C-alpha atoms as a PDB file:
ATOM      1  CA  MET A   1     100.506 104.519 107.110  1.00  0.00           C
ATOM      2  CA  LEU A   2     102.747 107.537 106.548  1.00  0.00           C
ATOM      3  CA  THR A   3      99.709 109.785 106.231  1.00  0.00           C
ATOM      4  CA  GLY A   4      98.459 108.549 109.594  1.00  0.00           C
ATOM      5  CA  GLY A   5     101.880 109.189 111.102  1.00  0.00           C
ATOM      6  CA  LEU A   6     101.878 112.727 109.729  1.00  0.00           C
ATOM      7  CA  LEU A   7      98.482 113.444 111.269  1.00  0.00           C
ATOM      8  CA  ILE A   8      99.549 112.048 114.653  1.00  0.00           C
ATOM      9  CA  VAL A   9     102.757 114.088 114.781  1.00  0.00           C
ATOM     10  CA  VAL A  10     101.065 117.249 113.549  1.00  0.00           C
ATOM     11  CA  GLY A  11      98.414 116.811 116.214  1.00  0.00           C
ATOM     12  CA  TRP A  12     101.073 116.244 118.853  1.00  0.00           C
ATOM     13  CA  LEU A  13     102.804 119.477 117.867  1.00  0.00           C
ATOM     14  CA  VAL A  14      99.740 121.642 117.260  1.00  0.00           C
ATOM     15  CA  LEU A  15      97.424 120.527 120.047  1.00  0.00           C
ATOM     16  CA  PRO A  16      99.524 121.971 122.890  1.00  0.00           C
ATOM     17  CA  GLY A  17      99.500 125.307 121.082  1.00  0.00           C
ATOM     18  CA  LEU A  18      95.722 125.212 120.807  1.00  0.00           C
ATOM     19  CA  ILE A  19      95.351 124.272 124.467  1.00  0.00           C
ATOM     20  CA  THR A  20      97.487 127.220 125.610  1.00  0.00           C
ATOM     21  CA  THR A  21      96.019 129.691 123.116  1.00  0.00           C
ATOM     22  CA  GLN A  22      93.707 131.363 125.628  1.00  0.00           C
ATOM     23  CA  ALA A  23      96.540 132.715 127.760  1.00  0.00           C
ATOM     24  CA  THR A  24      98.229 134.181 124.697  1.00  0.00           C
ATOM     25  CA  ARG A  25      94.920 135.563 123.443  1.00  0.00           C
ATOM     26  CA  ASN A  26      94.245 137.266 126.784  1.00  0.00           C
ATOM     27  CA  ALA A  27      97.651 138.934 126.684  1.00  0.00           C
ATOM     28  CA  ARG A  28      97.007 140.113 123.145  1.00  0.00           C
ATOM     29  CA  ASP A  29      93.569 141.511 124.060  1.00  0.00           C
ATOM     30  CA  VAL A  30      95.038 143.408 127.001  1.00  0.00           C
ATOM     31  CA  PHE A  31      97.575 144.950 124.653  1.00  0.00           C
ATOM     32  CA  CYS A  32      94.965 146.020 122.103  1.00  0.00           C
ATOM     33  CA  LEU A  33      92.614 147.488 124.709  1.00  0.00           C
ATOM     34  CA  GLN A  34      95.202 149.601 126.473  1.00  0.00           C
ATOM     35  CA  PRO A  35      94.158 153.278 126.347  1.00  0.00           C
ATOM     36  CA  ALA A  36      97.252 154.061 124.281  1.00  0.00           C
ATOM     37  CA  GLN A  37      96.289 151.451 121.635  1.00  0.00           C
ATOM     38  CA  ARG A  38      92.531 151.990 121.334  1.00  0.00           C
ATOM     39  CA  THR A  39      92.745 154.624 118.622  1.00  0.00           C
ATOM     40  CA  ALA A  40      95.116 152.381 116.674  1.00  0.00           C
ATOM     41  CA  LEU A  41      92.671 149.467 117.144  1.00  0.00           C
ATOM     42  CA  ALA A  42      89.839 151.597 115.758  1.00  0.00           C
ATOM     43  CA  ASP A  43      92.036 152.513 112.803  1.00  0.00           C
ATOM     44  CA  ALA A  44      92.705 148.808 112.229  1.00  0.00           C
ATOM     45  CA  ALA A  45      88.954 148.095 112.275  1.00  0.00           C
ATOM     46  CA  MET A  46      88.369 150.764 109.645  1.00  0.00           C
ATOM     47  CA  ALA A  47      91.297 149.606 107.516  1.00  0.00           C
ATOM     48  CA  LEU A  48      89.872 146.087 107.475  1.00  0.00           C
ATOM     49  CA  GLY A  49      86.393 147.289 106.570  1.00  0.00           C
ATOM     50  CA  PHE A  50      84.761 146.422 109.872  1.00  0.00           C
ATOM     51  CA  ALA A  51      84.007 150.054 110.766  1.00  0.00           C
ATOM     52  CA  LYS A  52      83.259 153.266 108.892  1.00  0.00           C
ATOM     53  CA  THR A  53      84.527 155.621 111.584  1.00  0.00           C
ATOM     54  CA  GLY A  54      85.829 155.237 115.068  1.00  0.00           C
ATOM     55  CA  GLY A  55      87.977 156.536 117.861  1.00  0.00           C
ATOM     56  CA  ALA A  56      89.298 155.493 121.229  1.00  0.00           C
ATOM     57  CA  VAL A  57      85.766 155.070 122.619  1.00  0.00           C
ATOM     58  CA  ASP A  58      83.196 154.390 119.877  1.00  0.00           C
ATOM     59  CA  LEU A  59      82.998 152.662 116.514  1.00  0.00           C
ATOM     60  CA  VAL A  60      80.446 153.023 113.741  1.00  0.00           C
ATOM     61  CA  LEU A  61      80.483 149.593 112.147  1.00  0.00           C
ATOM     62  CA  ALA A  62      80.033 148.785 108.478  1.00  0.00           C
ATOM     63  CA  ASP A  63      76.338 148.102 109.057  1.00  0.00           C
ATOM     64  CA  ASP A  64      75.933 151.562 110.680  1.00  0.00           C
ATOM     65  CA  THR A  65      75.739 150.034 114.151  1.00  0.00           C
ATOM     66  CA  SER A  66      77.267 152.265 116.812  1.00  0.00           C
ATOM     67  CA  ILE A  67      79.129 150.325 119.496  1.00  0.00           C
ATOM     68  CA  LYS A  68      81.473 150.990 122.354  1.00  0.00           C
ATOM     69  CA  LEU A  69      84.985 149.774 121.600  1.00  0.00           C
ATOM     70  CA  LEU A  70      85.042 147.627 124.752  1.00  0.00           C
ATOM     71  CA  ASN A  71      81.722 146.003 123.814  1.00  0.00           C
ATOM     72  CA  TRP A  72      82.952 145.253 120.297  1.00  0.00           C
ATOM     73  CA  ARG A  73      85.214 142.519 121.614  1.00  0.00           C
ATOM     74  CA  LYS A  74      82.292 140.797 123.354  1.00  0.00           C
ATOM     75  CA  GLU A  75      79.648 141.164 120.649  1.00  0.00           C
ATOM     76  CA  ARG A  76      81.796 140.608 117.559  1.00  0.00           C
ATOM     77  CA  PRO A  77      84.752 138.532 118.705  1.00  0.00           C
ATOM     78  CA  GLU A  78      85.837 137.416 115.233  1.00  0.00           C
ATOM     79  CA  GLU A  79      86.108 140.986 113.925  1.00  0.00           C
ATOM     80  CA  PHE A  80      87.862 142.100 117.076  1.00  0.00           C
ATOM     81  CA  SER A  81      90.362 139.189 116.938  1.00  0.00           C
ATOM     82  CA  THR A  82      91.186 139.875 113.298  1.00  0.00           C
ATOM     83  CA  ALA A  83      91.781 143.565 113.878  1.00  0.00           C
ATOM     84  CA  CYS A  84      93.714 142.966 117.102  1.00  0.00           C
ATOM     85  CA  ASP A  85      95.928 140.359 115.424  1.00  0.00           C
ATOM     86  CA  ALA A  86      96.674 142.810 112.623  1.00  0.00           C
ATOM     87  CA  LEU A  87      97.492 145.581 115.092  1.00  0.00           C
ATOM     88  CA  SER A  88      99.672 143.237 117.156  1.00  0.00           C
ATOM     89  CA  ALA A  89     101.585 142.187 114.051  1.00  0.00           C
ATOM     90  CA  VAL A  90     102.151 145.795 113.010  1.00  0.00           C
ATOM     91  CA  GLN A  91     103.363 146.630 116.507  1.00  0.00           C
ATOM     92  CA  GLY A  92     105.692 143.637 116.507  1.00  0.00           C
ATOM     93  CA  LYS A  93     103.813 141.797 119.252  1.00  0.00           C
ATOM     94  CA  PRO A  94     103.251 137.991 119.296  1.00  0.00           C
ATOM     95  CA  VAL A  95     100.075 136.966 117.518  1.00  0.00           C
ATOM     96  CA  THR A  96      97.840 134.264 118.971  1.00  0.00           C
ATOM     97  CA  PRO A  97      98.675 130.773 117.669  1.00  0.00           C
ATOM     98  CA  ALA A  98      95.068 130.314 116.593  1.00  0.00           C
ATOM     99  CA  GLY A  99      96.089 131.098 113.029  1.00  0.00           C
ATOM    100  CA  GLY A 100      99.213 128.940 112.996  1.00  0.00           C
ATOM    101  CA  VAL A 101     101.886 127.164 115.003  1.00  0.00           C
ATOM    102  CA  SER A 102     104.606 128.967 116.911  1.00  0.00           C
ATOM    103  CA  GLY A 103     107.546 128.126 119.125  1.00  0.00           C
ATOM    104  CA  VAL A 104     109.353 124.814 118.720  1.00  0.00           C
ATOM    105  CA  ALA A 105     106.418 123.412 116.785  1.00  0.00           C
ATOM    106  CA  GLY A 106     106.705 126.245 114.285  1.00  0.00           C
ATOM    107  CA  VAL A 107     110.274 125.148 113.526  1.00  0.00           C
ATOM    108  CA  VAL A 108     109.883 121.376 113.742  1.00  0.00           C
ATOM    109  CA  LEU A 109     106.545 121.015 111.978  1.00  0.00           C
ATOM    110  CA  PRO A 110     107.620 122.393 108.563  1.00  0.00           C
ATOM    111  CA  LEU A 111     110.713 120.177 108.624  1.00  0.00           C
ATOM    112  CA  LEU A 112     108.709 117.142 109.653  1.00  0.00           C
ATOM    113  CA  THR A 113     106.044 117.865 107.050  1.00  0.00           C
ATOM    114  CA  ALA A 114     108.702 118.150 104.350  1.00  0.00           C
ATOM    115  CA  PHE A 115     110.286 114.860 105.466  1.00  0.00           C
ATOM    116  CA  LEU A 116     107.000 112.974 105.534  1.00  0.00           C
ATOM    117  CA  SER A 117     105.949 114.486 102.213  1.00  0.00           C
ATOM    118  CA  ALA A 118     109.197 113.251 100.684  1.00  0.00           C
ATOM    119  CA  ALA A 119     108.584 109.826 102.214  1.00  0.00           C
ATOM    120  CA  LEU A 120     105.067 109.728 100.788  1.00  0.00           C
ATOM    121  CA  THR A 121     106.423 110.721  97.377  1.00  0.00           C
ATOM    122  CA  TYR A 122     109.048 107.965  97.591  1.00  0.00           C
ATOM    123  CA  VAL A 123     106.483 105.319  98.501  1.00  0.00           C
ATOM    124  CA  SER A 124     104.120 106.474  95.770  1.00  0.00           C
ATOM    125  CA  THR A 125     106.912 106.509  93.174  1.00  0.00           C
ATOM    126  CA  ARG A 126     108.133 103.085  94.257  1.00  0.00           C
ATOM    127  CA  ARG A 127     104.614 101.681  93.999  1.00  0.00           C
ATOM    128  CA  GLN A 128     104.224 103.203  90.539  1.00  0.00           C
ATOM    129  CA  ASN A 129     107.563 101.742  89.454  1.00  0.00           C
ATOM    130  CA  ARG A 130     106.524  98.316  90.723  1.00  0.00           C
ATOM    131  CA  ALA A 131     103.295  98.597  88.775  1.00  0.00           C
ATOM    132  CA  THR A 132     105.199  99.552  85.623  1.00  0.00           C
ATOM    133  CA  VAL A 133     107.597  96.621  86.034  1.00  0.00           C
ATOM    134  CA  GLY A 134     104.674  94.299  86.760  1.00  0.00           C
ATOM    135  CA  GLN A 135     102.911  95.350  83.560  1.00  0.00           C
ATOM    136  CA  ALA A 136     106.082  94.790  81.543  1.00  0.00           C
ATOM    137  CA  ASP A 137     106.640  91.356  83.114  1.00  0.00           C
ATOM    138  CA  ALA A 138     103.016  90.419  82.470  1.00  0.00           C
ATOM    139  CA  LYS A 139     103.284  91.398  78.803  1.00  0.00           C
ATOM    140  CA  GLU A 140     106.448  89.329  78.390  1.00  0.00           C
ATOM    141  CA  VAL A 141     104.921  86.251  80.030  1.00  0.00           C
ATOM    142  CA  ARG A 142     101.768  86.479  77.895  1.00  0.00           C
ATOM    143  CA  GLU A 143     103.856  86.673  74.735  1.00  0.00           C
ATOM    144  CA  LEU A 144     105.989  83.683  75.742  1.00  0.00           C
ATOM    145  CA  VAL A 145     102.943  81.622  76.710  1.00  0.00           C
ATOM    146  CA  THR A 146     101.168  82.419  73.441  1.00  0.00           C
ATOM    147  CA  ALA A 147     104.249  81.579  71.378  1.00  0.00           C
ATOM    148  CA  TYR A 148     104.708  78.274  73.230  1.00  0.00           C
ATOM    149  CA  ARG A 149     101.061  77.258  72.929  1.00  0.00           C
ATOM    150  CA  ASP A 150     100.870  78.028  69.207  1.00  0.00           C
ATOM    151  CA  ALA A 151     104.210  76.415  68.297  1.00  0.00           C
ATOM    152  CA  VAL A 152     103.657  73.185  70.253  1.00  0.00           C
ATOM    153  CA  ASN A 153     100.062  72.721  69.115  1.00  0.00           C
ATOM    154  CA  LEU A 154     101.142  73.269  65.523  1.00  0.00           C
ATOM    155  CA  LEU A 155     103.811  70.596  65.952  1.00  0.00           C
ATOM    156  CA  LEU A 156     101.353  68.172  67.556  1.00  0.00           C
ATOM    157  CA  ASP A 157      98.925  68.688  64.669  1.00  0.00           C
ATOM    158  CA  ASP A 158     101.719  67.882  62.229  1.00  0.00           C
ATOM    159  CA  ARG A 159     102.661  64.709  64.118  1.00  0.00           C
ATOM    160  CA  ARG A 160      99.143  63.250  64.046  1.00  0.00           C
ATOM    161  CA  LYS A 161      99.820  61.687  60.664  1.00  0.00           C
ATOM    162  CA  PRO A 162     103.300  60.281  60.154  1.00  0.00           C
ATOM    163  CA  PRO A 163     105.861  60.983  59.015  1.00  0.00           C
ATOM    164  CA  GLY A 164     105.268  64.634  60.034  1.00  0.00           C
ATOM    165  CA  ASP A 165     107.908  66.875  58.492  1.00  0.00           C
ATOM    166  CA  LEU A 166     107.495  70.137  60.455  1.00  0.00           C
ATOM    167  CA  PRO A 167     110.836  71.102  62.074  1.00  0.00           C
ATOM    168  CA  VAL A 168     110.849  70.929  65.856  1.00  0.00           C
ATOM    169  CA  GLY A 169     113.039  74.033  66.193  1.00  0.00           C
ATOM    170  CA  ASN A 170     110.315  76.652  66.748  1.00  0.00           C
ATOM    171  CA  ALA A 171     108.514  74.561  69.359  1.00  0.00           C
ATOM    172  CA  ALA A 172     111.775  73.735  71.155  1.00  0.00           C
ATOM    173  CA  ALA A 173     112.847  77.395  71.255  1.00  0.00           C
ATOM    174  CA  ALA A 174     109.427  78.518  72.545  1.00  0.00           C
ATOM    175  CA  HIS A 175     109.518  75.735  75.147  1.00  0.00           C
ATOM    176  CA  ASP A 176     112.971  76.717  76.432  1.00  0.00           C
ATOM    177  CA  ALA A 177     112.111  80.438  76.566  1.00  0.00           C
ATOM    178  CA  LEU A 178     108.916  79.862  78.545  1.00  0.00           C
ATOM    179  CA  ALA A 179     110.480  77.291  80.865  1.00  0.00           C
ATOM    180  CA  GLY A 180     113.337  79.665  81.702  1.00  0.00           C
ATOM    181  CA  ARG A 181     111.070  82.626  82.406  1.00  0.00           C
ATOM    182  CA  LEU A 182     108.609  80.663  84.521  1.00  0.00           C
ATOM    183  CA  SER A 183     111.470  79.040  86.466  1.00  0.00           C
ATOM    184  CA  ALA A 184     112.792  82.471  87.431  1.00  0.00           C
ATOM    185  CA  LEU A 185     109.327  83.568  88.527  1.00  0.00           C
ATOM    186  CA  ALA A 186     108.825  80.370  90.539  1.00  0.00           C
ATOM    187  CA  GLU A 187     111.947  81.181  92.549  1.00  0.00           C
ATOM    188  CA  ARG A 188     110.578  84.658  93.292  1.00  0.00           C
ATOM    189  CA  LYS A 189     107.105  83.359  94.151  1.00  0.00           C
ATOM    190  CA  PRO A 190     107.548  80.161  96.196  1.00  0.00           C
ATOM    191  CA  LYS A 191     103.911  80.226  97.347  1.00  0.00           C
ATOM    192  CA  TRP A 192     102.660  79.872  93.784  1.00  0.00           C
ATOM    193  CA  THR A 193     102.369  76.078  93.884  1.00  0.00           C
ATOM    194  CA  ARG A 194     100.611  75.857  90.548  1.00  0.00           C
ATOM    195  CA  LEU A 195     103.444  77.734  88.840  1.00  0.00           C
ATOM    196  CA  ALA A 196     106.061  75.402  90.337  1.00  0.00           C
ATOM    197  CA  GLU A 197     104.190  72.361  89.005  1.00  0.00           C
ATOM    198  CA  ALA A 198     103.898  73.909  85.547  1.00  0.00           C
ATOM    199  CA  VAL A 199     107.665  74.477  85.557  1.00  0.00           C
ATOM    200  CA  GLU A 200     108.195  70.857  86.570  1.00  0.00           C
ATOM    201  CA  LEU A 201     106.047  69.711  83.637  1.00  0.00           C
ATOM    202  CA  LEU A 202     108.208  71.752  81.265  1.00  0.00           C
ATOM    203  CA  ARG A 203     111.577  70.907  82.801  1.00  0.00           C
ATOM    204  CA  THR A 204     111.415  67.242  83.802  1.00  0.00           C
ATOM    205  CA  GLY A 205     107.834  66.133  83.214  1.00  0.00           C
ATOM    206  CA  GLU A 206     105.889  64.964  80.219  1.00  0.00           C
ATOM    207  CA  LEU A 207     106.386  68.242  78.347  1.00  0.00           C
ATOM    208  CA  ALA A 208     110.184  68.137  78.605  1.00  0.00           C
ATOM    209  CA  GLY A 209     112.124  69.032  75.485  1.00  0.00           C
ATOM    210  CA  ASP A 210     112.471  65.488  74.122  1.00  0.00           C
ATOM    211  CA  PHE A 211     108.722  64.871  73.823  1.00  0.00           C
ATOM    212  CA  ASP A 212     108.877  64.874  70.001  1.00  0.00           C
ATOM    213  CA  GLN A 213     111.335  61.982  70.025  1.00  0.00           C
ATOM    214  CA  ARG A 214     109.088  60.074  72.405  1.00  0.00           C
ATOM    215  CA  LEU A 215     106.158  60.729  70.118  1.00  0.00           C
ATOM    216  CA  ARG A 216     108.039  59.443  67.060  1.00  0.00           C
ATOM    217  CA  GLU A 217     108.854  56.256  68.931  1.00  0.00           C
ATOM    218  CA  GLN A 218     105.115  55.559  69.297  1.00  0.00           C
ATOM    219  CA  ASN A 219     104.293  53.148  66.452  1.00  0.00           C
ATOM    220  CA  SER A 220     100.598  52.663  67.199  1.00  0.00           C
ATOM    221  CA  ARG A 221      98.307  55.220  65.555  1.00  0.00           C
ATOM    222  CA  ALA A 222      95.865  54.962  68.460  1.00  0.00           C
ATOM    223  CA  GLY A 223      98.705  55.297  70.940  1.00  0.00           C
ATOM    224  CA  ARG A 224     100.061  58.284  69.063  1.00  0.00           C
ATOM    225  CA  LYS A 225      96.644  59.980  69.065  1.00  0.00           C
ATOM    226  CA  GLU A 226      96.176  59.286  72.791  1.00  0.00           C
ATOM    227  CA  LEU A 227      99.603  60.722  73.566  1.00  0.00           C
ATOM    228  CA  ILE A 228      99.006  63.809  71.425  1.00  0.00           C
ATOM    229  CA  ASP A 229      95.632  64.456  73.065  1.00  0.00           C
ATOM    230  CA  ARG A 230      97.161  64.062  76.510  1.00  0.00           C
ATOM    231  CA  TRP A 231     100.025  66.429  75.740  1.00  0.00           C
ATOM    232  CA  ARG A 232      97.646  68.949  74.209  1.00  0.00           C
ATOM    233  CA  GLY A 233      95.734  68.931  77.501  1.00  0.00           C
ATOM    234  CA  LEU A 234      98.965  69.460  79.447  1.00  0.00           C
ATOM    235  CA  VAL A 235      99.917  72.344  77.160  1.00  0.00           C
ATOM    236  CA  ALA A 236      96.529  73.902  77.922  1.00  0.00           C
ATOM    237  CA  GLU A 237      97.211  73.556  81.659  1.00  0.00           C
ATOM    238  CA  VAL A 238     100.588  75.267  81.325  1.00  0.00           C
ATOM    239  CA  THR A 239      99.017  77.961  79.135  1.00  0.00           C
ATOM    240  CA  ASP A 240      96.254  78.677  81.651  1.00  0.00           C
ATOM    241  CA  THR A 241      98.805  78.829  84.456  1.00  0.00           C
ATOM    242  CA  GLY A 242     100.997  81.201  82.463  1.00  0.00           C
ATOM    243  CA  PHE A 243      98.120  83.582  81.821  1.00  0.00           C
ATOM    244  CA  LEU A 244      97.185  83.503  85.521  1.00  0.00           C
ATOM    245  CA  VAL A 245     100.774  84.387  86.375  1.00  0.00           C
ATOM    246  CA  ALA A 246     100.684  87.290  83.909  1.00  0.00           C
ATOM    247  CA  ASP A 247      97.441  88.600  85.423  1.00  0.00           C
ATOM    248  CA  ALA A 248      98.892  88.376  88.941  1.00  0.00           C
ATOM    249  CA  LEU A 249     102.057  90.207  87.878  1.00  0.00           C
ATOM    250  CA  ALA A 250     100.005  92.956  86.262  1.00  0.00           C
ATOM    251  CA  ARG A 251      98.068  93.428  89.525  1.00  0.00           C
ATOM    252  CA  ASP A 252     101.179  93.055  91.706  1.00  0.00           C
ATOM    253  CA  ASP A 253      99.191  90.382  93.509  1.00  0.00           C
ATOM    254  CA  ASP A 254     101.125  87.867  95.628  1.00  0.00           C
ATOM    255  CA  VAL A 255      98.013  85.865  96.443  1.00  0.00           C
ATOM    256  CA  ALA A 256      96.477  85.950  92.971  1.00  0.00           C
ATOM    257  CA  ASP A 257      93.031  85.203  94.435  1.00  0.00           C
ATOM    258  CA  GLY A 258      94.268  81.758  95.510  1.00  0.00           C
ATOM    259  CA  ALA A 259      94.335  80.432  91.931  1.00  0.00           C
ATOM    260  CA  LEU A 260      98.125  80.069  91.906  1.00  0.00           C
ATOM    261  CA  THR A 261      98.486  78.809  95.463  1.00  0.00           C
ATOM    262  CA  ARG A 262      96.472  75.670  94.764  1.00  0.00           C
ATOM    263  CA  PRO A 263      98.232  72.609  93.274  1.00  0.00           C
ATOM    264  CA  LEU A 264      97.812  72.263  89.516  1.00  0.00           C
ATOM    265  CA  ARG A 265      96.318  68.787  89.799  1.00  0.00           C
ATOM    266  CA  GLU A 266      93.720  70.078  92.241  1.00  0.00           C
ATOM    267  CA  VAL A 267      92.758  72.856  89.859  1.00  0.00           C
ATOM    268  CA  VAL A 268      92.441  70.457  86.917  1.00  0.00           C
ATOM    269  CA  ALA A 269      90.393  67.986  88.976  1.00  0.00           C
ATOM    270  CA  SER A 270      87.924  70.709  89.973  1.00  0.00           C
END
């Protein structure tokens, strides 16, 4: 967007100079072709390597072509313009704007270019910083998700056969850390419906912190197995959601290809 703006403004400043160049060029040509300047113009042609010898009337060009000075302008306009511009500059006369921008544009354009260049640098730096932060956030979320998945599944494996003596501390700590981080992200990303539902599962749903106590209260072996299998499936849903969140953060992607904007139950059903 800023690049487009720069091109528009540069065009607005430069185009008038290009449109009015012919009048300035005519004045310059008249100056160079004055009888008093023709010898100096021939000298300029020789100095620039366009001519081997020359005077106020004739030139012998680098390719040994002999040409009248007045015809040189018509037959070799680029050589003539270069030599005439050089002579005009030496004599302190205005040079045609064909090689640059003059007047107000010559003052404003460098300032505007510097401003827009700084703006482009700022935007680029900000985008790079966002990408760096996104990568760091993604790494943190992946680590928290992995720790939660491993700790809770290990605890569920231990609880399959009572009495189950593995301490609940590691799973509880991993649960609280992940729930807190995902809650903060859900507030920042209200459109990520799937993330909000995963947070609800961890905060107030079936995966809330007291699930181990509820599991211990289940006296039936079959009931215990059914509950463990169900919770393992819910842990997998939260894990998948967490990894999707990490991928979206790494890409700085608010839409996340639609995967996080669909309800969790809809995703599981499909």
